[in-house]
């Protein structure tokens, strides 16, 4: 049995007390992956941004808001896990500063200076040691090429490539790529069945069964 860390959902980067940057990630893929982990007899630890979906009751869920919080919580949880599935869609940018009060409308353009947030999967993978890391790459174009680039840059053991149509959807269509760039599996359909196929590949290739 393995203890598997799953990052899931979006994160929020506030620009003032009521407004924030985010994306349309629903957490459904993360919830499906957690359920698939449990069905195979593994433990599931989920670090999740704000979502409306329910995670399996048997999973340990750690709620977070920002990308910074997700990174800290994931780093802490990863210490006691055998592997990571990075299914979350953390916000890639944060404002230079968060206004302490609600920004009032003035009739003039509002200029935001944005900085990149730390990459959660890449940060954890850089110190994975004997543990394994599976990343997700969501792109609008050149899906496979960009997924391969992310696989190498983030030091992942497998990369799951999908498109933006997966966000906030019930279904998904993915390619699973190995470290040499080979597509080892195509999977499509409800996210629950896609998650099952992803976990089967992880089980076969990455999890050491005693």
N, C-alpha and C. Protein backbone atom coordinates (compact mmCIF):
# COMPACT_ATOMS: atom_id res chain seq x y z
N UNK A 1 0.84 -1.20 0.00
CA UNK A 1 0.00 0.00 0.00
C UNK A 1 0.87 1.25 0.00
N UNK A 2 0.46 2.23 -0.77
CA UNK A 2 1.21 3.49 -0.84
C UNK A 2 0.38 4.62 -0.25
N UNK A 3 1.06 5.62 0.28
CA UNK A 3 0.40 6.85 0.69
C UNK A 3 0.65 7.87 -0.41
N UNK A 4 -0.44 8.30 -1.07
CA UNK A 4 -0.34 9.13 -2.27
C UNK A 4 -0.86 10.53 -1.99
N UNK A 5 -0.04 11.52 -2.28
CA UNK A 5 -0.43 12.92 -2.16
C UNK A 5 -1.02 13.38 -3.48
N UNK A 6 -2.17 14.02 -3.41
CA UNK A 6 -2.84 14.56 -4.60
C UNK A 6 -3.09 16.05 -4.37
N UNK A 7 -2.59 16.89 -5.27
CA UNK A 7 -2.98 18.29 -5.23
C UNK A 7 -4.16 18.47 -6.17
N UNK A 8 -5.10 19.30 -5.78
CA UNK A 8 -6.37 19.35 -6.51
C UNK A 8 -6.98 20.74 -6.46
N UNK A 9 -7.75 21.04 -7.51
CA UNK A 9 -8.50 22.28 -7.54
C UNK A 9 -7.68 23.50 -7.92
N UNK A 10 -8.30 24.67 -7.86
CA UNK A 10 -7.60 25.93 -8.17
C UNK A 10 -7.02 26.53 -6.91
N UNK A 11 -6.28 27.60 -7.06
CA UNK A 11 -5.92 28.45 -5.92
C UNK A 11 -6.37 29.87 -6.24
N UNK A 12 -6.37 30.70 -5.23
CA UNK A 12 -6.77 32.09 -5.38
C UNK A 12 -5.64 33.01 -4.94
N UNK A 13 -5.38 34.02 -5.75
CA UNK A 13 -4.39 35.05 -5.39
C UNK A 13 -5.15 36.38 -5.28
N UNK A 14 -5.35 36.83 -4.06
CA UNK A 14 -6.16 38.02 -3.83
C UNK A 14 -5.43 39.29 -4.26
N UNK A 15 -6.20 40.22 -4.83
CA UNK A 15 -5.66 41.54 -5.15
C UNK A 15 -6.17 42.59 -4.15
N UNK A 16 -7.28 42.29 -3.49
CA UNK A 16 -7.80 43.08 -2.38
C UNK A 16 -8.67 42.15 -1.55
N UNK A 17 -9.33 42.59 -0.50
CA UNK A 17 -10.05 41.66 0.36
C UNK A 17 -11.20 40.90 -0.31
N UNK A 18 -11.68 41.36 -1.48
CA UNK A 18 -12.83 40.70 -2.09
C UNK A 18 -12.57 40.17 -3.51
N UNK A 19 -11.48 40.56 -4.13
CA UNK A 19 -11.21 40.17 -5.51
C UNK A 19 -9.94 39.33 -5.58
N UNK A 20 -9.96 38.37 -6.52
CA UNK A 20 -8.79 37.50 -6.63
C UNK A 20 -8.64 36.98 -8.06
N UNK A 21 -7.42 36.51 -8.37
CA UNK A 21 -7.12 35.81 -9.61
C UNK A 21 -7.30 34.32 -9.36
N UNK A 22 -7.90 33.61 -10.33
CA UNK A 22 -8.07 32.17 -10.18
C UNK A 22 -8.30 31.55 -11.55
N UNK A 23 -8.78 30.32 -11.58
CA UNK A 23 -9.13 29.66 -12.85
C UNK A 23 -10.33 28.75 -12.61
N UNK A 24 -10.74 28.04 -13.66
CA UNK A 24 -12.01 27.29 -13.61
C UNK A 24 -11.86 25.86 -13.13
N UNK A 25 -10.73 25.49 -12.56
CA UNK A 25 -10.56 24.12 -12.07
C UNK A 25 -11.63 23.80 -11.02
N UNK A 26 -12.25 22.62 -11.15
CA UNK A 26 -13.35 22.25 -10.26
C UNK A 26 -12.94 21.32 -9.13
N UNK A 27 -11.79 20.64 -9.28
CA UNK A 27 -11.39 19.63 -8.31
C UNK A 27 -11.95 18.25 -8.60
N UNK A 28 -12.75 18.12 -9.67
CA UNK A 28 -13.36 16.81 -9.97
C UNK A 28 -12.31 15.75 -10.30
N UNK A 29 -11.26 16.15 -11.03
CA UNK A 29 -10.23 15.18 -11.38
C UNK A 29 -9.49 14.73 -10.12
N UNK A 30 -9.20 15.66 -9.23
CA UNK A 30 -8.54 15.30 -7.99
C UNK A 30 -9.39 14.38 -7.13
N UNK A 31 -10.69 14.66 -7.07
CA UNK A 31 -11.60 13.81 -6.30
C UNK A 31 -11.67 12.41 -6.89
N UNK A 32 -11.70 12.33 -8.23
CA UNK A 32 -11.74 11.03 -8.90
C UNK A 32 -10.45 10.25 -8.67
N UNK A 33 -9.32 10.94 -8.68
CA UNK A 33 -8.04 10.28 -8.44
C UNK A 33 -7.96 9.78 -7.00
N UNK A 34 -8.45 10.55 -6.06
CA UNK A 34 -8.45 10.12 -4.66
C UNK A 34 -9.30 8.86 -4.49
N UNK A 35 -10.48 8.85 -5.12
CA UNK A 35 -11.34 7.68 -5.04
C UNK A 35 -10.68 6.46 -5.67
N UNK A 36 -9.99 6.66 -6.79
CA UNK A 36 -9.31 5.55 -7.45
C UNK A 36 -8.17 5.01 -6.59
N UNK A 37 -7.45 5.91 -5.93
CA UNK A 37 -6.38 5.48 -5.00
C UNK A 37 -6.95 4.58 -3.92
N UNK A 38 -8.04 5.01 -3.33
CA UNK A 38 -8.64 4.27 -2.23
C UNK A 38 -9.15 2.91 -2.69
N UNK A 39 -9.72 2.86 -3.87
CA UNK A 39 -10.23 1.58 -4.38
C UNK A 39 -9.12 0.56 -4.60
N UNK A 40 -7.91 1.06 -4.88
CA UNK A 40 -6.78 0.17 -5.07
C UNK A 40 -6.09 -0.18 -3.75
N UNK A 41 -6.64 0.32 -2.65
CA UNK A 41 -6.09 -0.01 -1.35
C UNK A 41 -5.02 0.92 -0.84
N UNK A 42 -4.83 2.07 -1.50
CA UNK A 42 -3.82 3.03 -1.08
C UNK A 42 -4.44 4.12 -0.20
N UNK A 43 -3.60 4.87 0.48
CA UNK A 43 -4.05 6.04 1.23
C UNK A 43 -4.03 7.25 0.31
N UNK A 44 -4.96 8.15 0.51
CA UNK A 44 -5.02 9.38 -0.29
C UNK A 44 -4.98 10.59 0.63
N UNK A 45 -4.00 11.46 0.37
CA UNK A 45 -3.90 12.73 1.08
C UNK A 45 -4.10 13.83 0.04
N UNK A 46 -5.12 14.65 0.21
CA UNK A 46 -5.47 15.65 -0.78
C UNK A 46 -5.23 17.05 -0.25
N UNK A 47 -4.38 17.80 -0.94
CA UNK A 47 -4.22 19.23 -0.65
C UNK A 47 -5.04 19.97 -1.70
N UNK A 48 -6.10 20.60 -1.25
CA UNK A 48 -7.08 21.15 -2.20
C UNK A 48 -7.31 22.64 -2.02
N UNK A 49 -7.36 23.33 -3.14
CA UNK A 49 -7.82 24.70 -3.16
C UNK A 49 -9.32 24.74 -3.00
N UNK A 50 -9.95 25.93 -3.06
CA UNK A 50 -11.39 26.07 -2.84
C UNK A 50 -12.20 25.39 -3.96
N UNK A 51 -12.98 24.39 -3.60
CA UNK A 51 -13.81 23.66 -4.56
C UNK A 51 -15.17 23.39 -3.95
N UNK A 52 -16.13 23.01 -4.82
CA UNK A 52 -17.46 22.63 -4.35
C UNK A 52 -17.65 21.12 -4.36
N UNK A 53 -16.76 20.39 -5.00
CA UNK A 53 -16.90 18.93 -5.03
C UNK A 53 -16.57 18.35 -3.66
N UNK A 54 -17.07 17.14 -3.42
CA UNK A 54 -16.78 16.44 -2.18
C UNK A 54 -15.72 15.38 -2.44
N UNK A 55 -14.73 15.33 -1.58
CA UNK A 55 -13.71 14.30 -1.67
C UNK A 55 -14.16 13.06 -0.90
N UNK A 56 -13.62 11.89 -1.22
CA UNK A 56 -14.01 10.68 -0.50
C UNK A 56 -13.77 10.85 1.01
N UNK A 57 -14.70 10.34 1.79
CA UNK A 57 -14.60 10.52 3.24
C UNK A 57 -13.36 9.85 3.82
N UNK A 58 -12.86 8.82 3.16
CA UNK A 58 -11.68 8.11 3.66
C UNK A 58 -10.37 8.83 3.33
N UNK A 59 -10.43 9.86 2.49
CA UNK A 59 -9.22 10.63 2.16
C UNK A 59 -8.97 11.69 3.22
N UNK A 60 -7.71 11.97 3.47
CA UNK A 60 -7.36 13.09 4.34
C UNK A 60 -7.28 14.34 3.47
N UNK A 61 -8.06 15.34 3.78
CA UNK A 61 -8.13 16.55 2.96
C UNK A 61 -7.56 17.73 3.73
N UNK A 62 -6.63 18.44 3.09
CA UNK A 62 -6.00 19.63 3.67
C UNK A 62 -6.41 20.83 2.81
N UNK A 63 -7.32 21.68 3.30
CA UNK A 63 -7.77 22.82 2.48
C UNK A 63 -6.79 23.98 2.51
N UNK A 64 -6.60 24.60 1.35
CA UNK A 64 -5.75 25.78 1.24
C UNK A 64 -6.44 26.80 0.34
N UNK A 65 -5.91 28.00 0.29
CA UNK A 65 -6.48 29.05 -0.55
C UNK A 65 -5.50 29.45 -1.66
N UNK A 66 -4.33 29.91 -1.28
CA UNK A 66 -3.38 30.46 -2.25
C UNK A 66 -2.38 29.41 -2.74
N UNK A 67 -1.67 29.74 -3.79
CA UNK A 67 -0.60 28.86 -4.28
C UNK A 67 0.49 28.70 -3.23
N UNK A 68 0.81 29.77 -2.52
CA UNK A 68 1.82 29.69 -1.47
C UNK A 68 1.39 28.72 -0.38
N UNK A 69 0.12 28.76 -0.01
CA UNK A 69 -0.39 27.84 1.01
C UNK A 69 -0.38 26.41 0.50
N UNK A 70 -0.71 26.22 -0.77
CA UNK A 70 -0.70 24.88 -1.34
C UNK A 70 0.72 24.30 -1.33
N UNK A 71 1.69 25.13 -1.68
CA UNK A 71 3.07 24.65 -1.69
C UNK A 71 3.53 24.25 -0.29
N UNK A 72 3.26 25.07 0.70
CA UNK A 72 3.68 24.76 2.07
C UNK A 72 3.01 23.49 2.57
N UNK A 73 1.69 23.37 2.35
CA UNK A 73 0.96 22.19 2.81
C UNK A 73 1.42 20.94 2.08
N UNK A 74 1.66 21.05 0.76
CA UNK A 74 2.11 19.90 -0.02
C UNK A 74 3.51 19.47 0.38
N UNK A 75 4.39 20.42 0.62
CA UNK A 75 5.75 20.08 1.07
C UNK A 75 5.71 19.31 2.38
N UNK A 76 4.87 19.76 3.30
CA UNK A 76 4.76 19.10 4.60
C UNK A 76 4.18 17.70 4.45
N UNK A 77 3.12 17.56 3.67
CA UNK A 77 2.48 16.25 3.49
C UNK A 77 3.36 15.28 2.71
N UNK A 78 4.11 15.80 1.75
CA UNK A 78 4.94 14.95 0.88
C UNK A 78 6.03 14.22 1.66
N UNK A 79 6.42 14.78 2.80
CA UNK A 79 7.46 14.16 3.62
C UNK A 79 7.07 12.75 4.04
N UNK A 80 5.77 12.50 4.19
CA UNK A 80 5.30 11.19 4.66
C UNK A 80 4.55 10.43 3.58
N UNK A 81 4.76 10.80 2.31
CA UNK A 81 4.07 10.13 1.21
C UNK A 81 5.06 9.41 0.30
N UNK A 82 4.54 8.47 -0.46
CA UNK A 82 5.37 7.69 -1.39
C UNK A 82 5.41 8.30 -2.79
N UNK A 83 4.41 9.12 -3.09
CA UNK A 83 4.36 9.72 -4.41
C UNK A 83 3.38 10.87 -4.45
N UNK A 84 3.45 11.62 -5.54
CA UNK A 84 2.60 12.81 -5.73
C UNK A 84 1.92 12.75 -7.09
N UNK A 85 0.63 13.06 -7.10
CA UNK A 85 -0.10 13.31 -8.34
C UNK A 85 -0.51 14.78 -8.32
N UNK A 86 0.11 15.57 -9.18
CA UNK A 86 -0.14 17.01 -9.18
C UNK A 86 -1.27 17.37 -10.12
N UNK A 87 -2.51 17.16 -9.67
CA UNK A 87 -3.67 17.42 -10.51
C UNK A 87 -4.25 18.82 -10.32
N UNK A 88 -3.71 19.58 -9.38
CA UNK A 88 -4.23 20.93 -9.14
C UNK A 88 -3.86 21.87 -10.28
N UNK A 89 -4.59 22.98 -10.33
CA UNK A 89 -4.27 24.05 -11.28
C UNK A 89 -3.98 25.31 -10.48
N UNK A 90 -2.82 25.36 -9.82
CA UNK A 90 -2.51 26.54 -9.01
C UNK A 90 -2.41 27.79 -9.87
N UNK A 91 -2.83 28.89 -9.30
CA UNK A 91 -2.72 30.17 -10.01
C UNK A 91 -1.24 30.48 -10.25
N UNK A 92 -0.87 30.75 -11.48
CA UNK A 92 0.53 30.92 -11.85
C UNK A 92 1.08 32.31 -11.54
N UNK A 93 0.19 33.25 -11.24
CA UNK A 93 0.63 34.62 -11.00
C UNK A 93 -0.01 35.18 -9.73
N UNK A 94 0.71 36.07 -9.09
CA UNK A 94 0.22 36.77 -7.91
C UNK A 94 0.49 38.25 -8.10
N UNK A 95 -0.35 39.10 -7.51
CA UNK A 95 -0.09 40.54 -7.62
C UNK A 95 1.12 40.92 -6.78
N UNK A 96 1.80 41.96 -7.21
CA UNK A 96 2.97 42.44 -6.46
C UNK A 96 2.58 42.78 -5.03
N UNK A 97 1.40 43.35 -4.87
CA UNK A 97 0.93 43.67 -3.53
C UNK A 97 -0.58 43.47 -3.45
N UNK A 98 -1.06 43.14 -2.27
CA UNK A 98 -2.49 42.98 -2.02
C UNK A 98 -3.00 44.24 -1.34
N UNK A 99 -3.95 44.90 -1.97
CA UNK A 99 -4.48 46.13 -1.39
C UNK A 99 -5.22 45.81 -0.09
N UNK A 100 -4.97 46.52 0.99
CA UNK A 100 -5.60 46.20 2.27
C UNK A 100 -7.10 46.48 2.32
N UNK A 101 -7.60 47.32 1.43
CA UNK A 101 -9.04 47.61 1.38
C UNK A 101 -9.53 47.43 -0.05
N UNK A 102 -10.84 47.34 -0.21
CA UNK A 102 -11.41 47.12 -1.53
C UNK A 102 -11.02 48.27 -2.47
N UNK A 103 -10.52 47.90 -3.65
CA UNK A 103 -10.11 48.90 -4.63
C UNK A 103 -11.35 49.55 -5.22
N UNK A 104 -11.45 50.87 -5.10
CA UNK A 104 -12.62 51.59 -5.59
C UNK A 104 -12.51 51.86 -7.08
N UNK A 105 -13.64 51.87 -7.76
CA UNK A 105 -13.67 52.23 -9.18
C UNK A 105 -13.43 53.73 -9.32
N UNK A 106 -12.59 54.08 -10.30
CA UNK A 106 -12.25 55.50 -10.49
C UNK A 106 -12.55 55.97 -11.91
N UNK A 107 -12.93 55.04 -12.78
CA UNK A 107 -13.13 55.41 -14.18
C UNK A 107 -11.86 55.33 -14.99
N UNK A 108 -10.74 55.02 -14.32
CA UNK A 108 -9.45 54.90 -14.99
C UNK A 108 -9.02 53.43 -15.04
N UNK A 109 -8.14 53.08 -15.98
CA UNK A 109 -7.64 51.70 -16.03
C UNK A 109 -6.94 51.33 -14.73
N UNK A 110 -7.10 50.06 -14.34
CA UNK A 110 -6.41 49.55 -13.16
C UNK A 110 -5.25 48.68 -13.63
N UNK A 111 -4.06 49.05 -13.26
CA UNK A 111 -2.88 48.32 -13.68
C UNK A 111 -2.41 47.40 -12.56
N UNK A 112 -2.24 46.11 -12.89
CA UNK A 112 -1.74 45.15 -11.91
C UNK A 112 -0.37 44.65 -12.35
N UNK A 113 0.58 44.64 -11.45
CA UNK A 113 1.88 44.08 -11.73
C UNK A 113 1.90 42.68 -11.12
N UNK A 114 2.08 41.68 -12.00
CA UNK A 114 1.97 40.30 -11.56
C UNK A 114 3.32 39.60 -11.58
N UNK A 115 3.53 38.73 -10.62
CA UNK A 115 4.75 37.94 -10.53
C UNK A 115 4.39 36.45 -10.54
N UNK A 116 5.27 35.63 -11.09
CA UNK A 116 5.02 34.20 -11.10
C UNK A 116 5.05 33.63 -9.69
N UNK A 117 4.14 32.71 -9.43
CA UNK A 117 4.18 31.97 -8.18
C UNK A 117 5.14 30.78 -8.33
N UNK A 118 5.56 30.21 -7.23
CA UNK A 118 6.41 29.03 -7.28
C UNK A 118 5.64 27.85 -7.86
N UNK A 119 6.33 27.00 -8.61
CA UNK A 119 5.72 25.82 -9.21
C UNK A 119 5.67 24.71 -8.16
N UNK A 120 4.47 24.30 -7.78
CA UNK A 120 4.31 23.32 -6.70
C UNK A 120 4.92 21.98 -7.08
N UNK A 121 4.57 21.45 -8.26
CA UNK A 121 5.06 20.13 -8.66
C UNK A 121 6.57 20.15 -8.83
N UNK A 122 7.10 21.15 -9.52
CA UNK A 122 8.54 21.22 -9.76
C UNK A 122 9.31 21.33 -8.45
N UNK A 123 8.79 22.10 -7.49
CA UNK A 123 9.47 22.27 -6.21
C UNK A 123 9.53 20.95 -5.45
N UNK A 124 8.43 20.22 -5.44
CA UNK A 124 8.42 18.93 -4.73
C UNK A 124 9.27 17.90 -5.46
N UNK A 125 9.19 17.88 -6.79
CA UNK A 125 9.94 16.89 -7.56
C UNK A 125 11.45 17.09 -7.42
N UNK A 126 11.89 18.32 -7.22
CA UNK A 126 13.32 18.59 -7.09
C UNK A 126 13.93 17.91 -5.88
N UNK A 127 13.08 17.55 -4.90
CA UNK A 127 13.57 16.90 -3.68
C UNK A 127 12.84 15.58 -3.44
N UNK A 128 12.45 14.91 -4.53
CA UNK A 128 11.63 13.70 -4.37
C UNK A 128 12.43 12.50 -3.89
N UNK A 129 13.72 12.47 -4.14
CA UNK A 129 14.51 11.31 -3.74
C UNK A 129 14.02 10.05 -4.42
N UNK A 130 13.64 9.04 -3.62
CA UNK A 130 13.15 7.78 -4.17
C UNK A 130 11.64 7.78 -4.41
N UNK A 131 11.02 8.89 -4.11
CA UNK A 131 9.58 8.99 -4.36
C UNK A 131 9.31 9.31 -5.83
N UNK A 132 8.06 9.14 -6.25
CA UNK A 132 7.70 9.39 -7.64
C UNK A 132 6.74 10.58 -7.73
N UNK A 133 6.73 11.20 -8.91
CA UNK A 133 5.89 12.38 -9.15
C UNK A 133 5.22 12.27 -10.51
N UNK A 134 3.92 12.44 -10.52
CA UNK A 134 3.12 12.47 -11.76
C UNK A 134 2.53 13.86 -11.90
N UNK A 135 2.82 14.52 -13.01
CA UNK A 135 2.31 15.86 -13.24
C UNK A 135 1.15 15.88 -14.20
N UNK A 136 0.44 17.00 -14.24
CA UNK A 136 -0.61 17.24 -15.21
C UNK A 136 -0.22 18.48 -16.02
N UNK A 137 -0.43 18.42 -17.33
CA UNK A 137 -0.16 19.56 -18.20
C UNK A 137 -1.43 19.92 -18.95
N UNK A 138 -1.95 21.09 -18.68
CA UNK A 138 -3.16 21.56 -19.36
C UNK A 138 -2.76 22.70 -20.28
N UNK A 139 -2.94 22.49 -21.58
CA UNK A 139 -2.50 23.46 -22.58
C UNK A 139 -3.61 23.76 -23.58
N UNK A 140 -3.49 24.91 -24.25
CA UNK A 140 -4.46 25.27 -25.29
C UNK A 140 -3.96 24.89 -26.68
N UNK A 141 -2.66 24.63 -26.82
CA UNK A 141 -2.09 24.26 -28.12
C UNK A 141 -0.80 23.49 -27.91
N UNK A 142 -0.36 22.78 -28.96
CA UNK A 142 0.87 21.98 -28.88
C UNK A 142 0.91 21.13 -27.62
N UNK A 143 -0.21 20.43 -27.37
CA UNK A 143 -0.37 19.71 -26.10
C UNK A 143 0.80 18.79 -25.79
N UNK A 144 1.14 17.92 -26.73
CA UNK A 144 2.15 16.91 -26.43
C UNK A 144 3.54 17.54 -26.27
N UNK A 145 3.87 18.47 -27.15
CA UNK A 145 5.18 19.11 -27.07
C UNK A 145 5.35 19.84 -25.74
N UNK A 146 4.35 20.57 -25.34
CA UNK A 146 4.45 21.32 -24.09
C UNK A 146 4.41 20.40 -22.88
N UNK A 147 3.65 19.31 -22.98
CA UNK A 147 3.64 18.34 -21.89
C UNK A 147 5.01 17.70 -21.71
N UNK A 148 5.67 17.40 -22.81
CA UNK A 148 7.01 16.82 -22.74
C UNK A 148 8.00 17.80 -22.12
N UNK A 149 7.87 19.06 -22.50
CA UNK A 149 8.76 20.07 -21.93
C UNK A 149 8.55 20.18 -20.42
N UNK A 150 7.30 20.13 -20.00
CA UNK A 150 7.01 20.20 -18.57
C UNK A 150 7.50 18.95 -17.85
N UNK A 151 7.35 17.79 -18.48
CA UNK A 151 7.81 16.54 -17.87
C UNK A 151 9.29 16.62 -17.55
N UNK A 152 10.06 17.13 -18.50
CA UNK A 152 11.51 17.23 -18.30
C UNK A 152 11.86 18.31 -17.30
N UNK A 153 11.24 19.48 -17.45
CA UNK A 153 11.59 20.62 -16.59
C UNK A 153 11.21 20.35 -15.13
N UNK A 154 10.08 19.67 -14.93
CA UNK A 154 9.60 19.45 -13.57
C UNK A 154 10.11 18.14 -12.96
N UNK A 155 10.88 17.38 -13.74
CA UNK A 155 11.47 16.13 -13.26
C UNK A 155 10.40 15.12 -12.84
N UNK A 156 9.36 15.00 -13.67
CA UNK A 156 8.28 14.07 -13.37
C UNK A 156 8.59 12.68 -13.89
N UNK A 157 7.96 11.68 -13.30
CA UNK A 157 8.10 10.30 -13.76
C UNK A 157 7.07 9.96 -14.82
N UNK A 158 5.94 10.63 -14.78
CA UNK A 158 4.91 10.54 -15.82
C UNK A 158 4.26 11.91 -15.94
N UNK A 159 3.72 12.20 -17.12
CA UNK A 159 2.98 13.45 -17.32
C UNK A 159 1.64 13.13 -17.98
N UNK A 160 0.58 13.68 -17.42
CA UNK A 160 -0.76 13.52 -17.98
C UNK A 160 -1.10 14.80 -18.72
N UNK A 161 -1.32 14.67 -20.02
CA UNK A 161 -1.60 15.84 -20.87
C UNK A 161 -3.09 15.91 -21.17
N UNK A 162 -3.68 17.09 -20.95
CA UNK A 162 -5.08 17.31 -21.32
C UNK A 162 -5.28 18.75 -21.76
N UNK A 163 -6.49 19.05 -22.24
CA UNK A 163 -6.78 20.38 -22.76
C UNK A 163 -7.70 21.17 -21.85
N UNK A 164 -7.92 22.44 -22.21
CA UNK A 164 -8.72 23.32 -21.35
C UNK A 164 -10.18 22.88 -21.27
N UNK A 165 -10.63 22.07 -22.23
CA UNK A 165 -12.01 21.59 -22.18
C UNK A 165 -12.26 20.72 -20.95
N UNK A 166 -11.19 20.27 -20.30
CA UNK A 166 -11.33 19.44 -19.10
C UNK A 166 -11.75 20.25 -17.89
N UNK A 167 -11.48 21.56 -17.91
CA UNK A 167 -11.74 22.37 -16.72
C UNK A 167 -13.24 22.49 -16.47
N UNK A 168 -13.61 22.18 -15.25
CA UNK A 168 -15.00 22.27 -14.80
C UNK A 168 -15.93 21.36 -15.61
N UNK A 169 -15.38 20.32 -16.21
CA UNK A 169 -16.17 19.38 -16.99
C UNK A 169 -16.30 18.05 -16.25
N UNK A 170 -17.27 17.25 -16.67
CA UNK A 170 -17.46 15.93 -16.08
C UNK A 170 -16.56 14.89 -16.73
N UNK A 171 -16.16 15.15 -17.99
CA UNK A 171 -15.34 14.21 -18.74
C UNK A 171 -13.94 14.77 -18.95
N UNK A 172 -13.05 13.88 -19.37
CA UNK A 172 -11.70 14.30 -19.68
C UNK A 172 -11.13 13.40 -20.77
N UNK A 173 -10.15 13.92 -21.48
CA UNK A 173 -9.45 13.15 -22.51
C UNK A 173 -7.96 13.43 -22.32
N UNK A 174 -7.18 12.39 -22.06
CA UNK A 174 -5.78 12.59 -21.69
C UNK A 174 -4.86 11.66 -22.45
N UNK A 175 -3.60 12.07 -22.50
CA UNK A 175 -2.49 11.21 -22.91
C UNK A 175 -1.55 11.10 -21.71
N UNK A 176 -1.03 9.91 -21.46
CA UNK A 176 -0.06 9.71 -20.40
C UNK A 176 1.28 9.45 -21.05
N UNK A 177 2.26 10.29 -20.72
CA UNK A 177 3.58 10.21 -21.33
C UNK A 177 4.62 9.76 -20.33
N UNK A 178 5.59 8.96 -20.80
CA UNK A 178 6.67 8.51 -19.93
C UNK A 178 7.88 9.43 -20.10
N UNK A 179 8.94 9.23 -19.32
CA UNK A 179 10.08 10.16 -19.35
C UNK A 179 10.82 10.25 -20.68
N UNK A 180 10.67 9.25 -21.56
CA UNK A 180 11.35 9.33 -22.86
C UNK A 180 10.43 9.91 -23.93
N UNK A 181 9.24 10.34 -23.53
CA UNK A 181 8.35 11.00 -24.46
C UNK A 181 7.37 10.11 -25.18
N UNK A 182 7.30 8.84 -24.79
CA UNK A 182 6.36 7.92 -25.42
C UNK A 182 4.98 8.08 -24.79
N UNK A 183 3.96 8.05 -25.66
CA UNK A 183 2.58 8.05 -25.16
C UNK A 183 2.25 6.61 -24.78
N UNK A 184 2.10 6.34 -23.52
CA UNK A 184 1.88 4.97 -23.07
C UNK A 184 0.41 4.65 -22.85
N UNK A 185 -0.44 5.68 -22.85
CA UNK A 185 -1.87 5.42 -22.66
C UNK A 185 -2.68 6.61 -23.12
N UNK A 186 -3.78 6.32 -23.81
CA UNK A 186 -4.82 7.30 -24.08
C UNK A 186 -6.02 6.93 -23.21
N UNK A 187 -6.66 7.91 -22.63
CA UNK A 187 -7.84 7.64 -21.81
C UNK A 187 -8.85 8.75 -22.02
N UNK A 188 -10.11 8.38 -22.14
CA UNK A 188 -11.16 9.38 -22.32
C UNK A 188 -12.45 8.87 -21.69
N UNK A 189 -13.31 9.81 -21.34
CA UNK A 189 -14.59 9.46 -20.74
C UNK A 189 -14.80 10.21 -19.44
N UNK A 190 -15.72 9.74 -18.61
CA UNK A 190 -15.94 10.39 -17.31
C UNK A 190 -14.64 10.44 -16.51
N UNK A 191 -14.45 11.48 -15.75
CA UNK A 191 -13.20 11.64 -15.00
C UNK A 191 -12.94 10.47 -14.06
N UNK A 192 -14.00 9.83 -13.58
CA UNK A 192 -13.82 8.68 -12.71
C UNK A 192 -13.12 7.54 -13.43
N UNK A 193 -13.53 7.27 -14.69
CA UNK A 193 -12.90 6.17 -15.43
C UNK A 193 -11.49 6.55 -15.89
N UNK A 194 -11.28 7.82 -16.24
CA UNK A 194 -9.94 8.28 -16.62
C UNK A 194 -9.00 8.16 -15.41
N UNK A 195 -9.49 8.52 -14.24
CA UNK A 195 -8.68 8.40 -13.03
C UNK A 195 -8.29 6.95 -12.77
N UNK A 196 -9.21 6.03 -13.01
CA UNK A 196 -8.91 4.61 -12.83
C UNK A 196 -7.76 4.17 -13.74
N UNK A 197 -7.80 4.63 -14.99
CA UNK A 197 -6.74 4.26 -15.93
C UNK A 197 -5.40 4.87 -15.54
N UNK A 198 -5.43 6.11 -15.07
CA UNK A 198 -4.20 6.76 -14.63
C UNK A 198 -3.60 6.00 -13.44
N UNK A 199 -4.45 5.62 -12.49
CA UNK A 199 -3.95 4.90 -11.31
C UNK A 199 -3.44 3.51 -11.67
N UNK A 200 -4.04 2.89 -12.65
CA UNK A 200 -3.54 1.57 -13.07
C UNK A 200 -2.13 1.69 -13.63
N UNK A 201 -1.88 2.74 -14.43
CA UNK A 201 -0.54 2.96 -14.97
C UNK A 201 0.45 3.26 -13.84
N UNK A 202 0.05 4.10 -12.90
CA UNK A 202 0.91 4.42 -11.76
C UNK A 202 1.21 3.16 -10.97
N UNK A 203 0.19 2.34 -10.76
CA UNK A 203 0.37 1.10 -10.01
C UNK A 203 1.38 0.18 -10.70
N UNK A 204 1.27 0.07 -12.02
CA UNK A 204 2.13 -0.84 -12.77
C UNK A 204 3.57 -0.34 -12.83
N UNK A 205 3.75 0.96 -12.97
CA UNK A 205 5.07 1.50 -13.28
C UNK A 205 5.81 2.12 -12.09
N UNK A 206 5.08 2.62 -11.10
CA UNK A 206 5.73 3.44 -10.09
C UNK A 206 5.61 2.92 -8.66
N UNK A 207 4.52 2.24 -8.36
CA UNK A 207 4.31 1.81 -6.98
C UNK A 207 4.95 0.45 -6.74
N UNK A 208 5.77 0.41 -5.74
CA UNK A 208 6.44 -0.83 -5.39
C UNK A 208 5.53 -1.64 -4.46
N UNK A 209 5.02 -2.73 -4.94
CA UNK A 209 4.10 -3.55 -4.17
C UNK A 209 4.90 -4.59 -3.39
N UNK A 210 4.75 -4.55 -2.07
CA UNK A 210 5.49 -5.49 -1.22
C UNK A 210 4.79 -6.85 -1.17
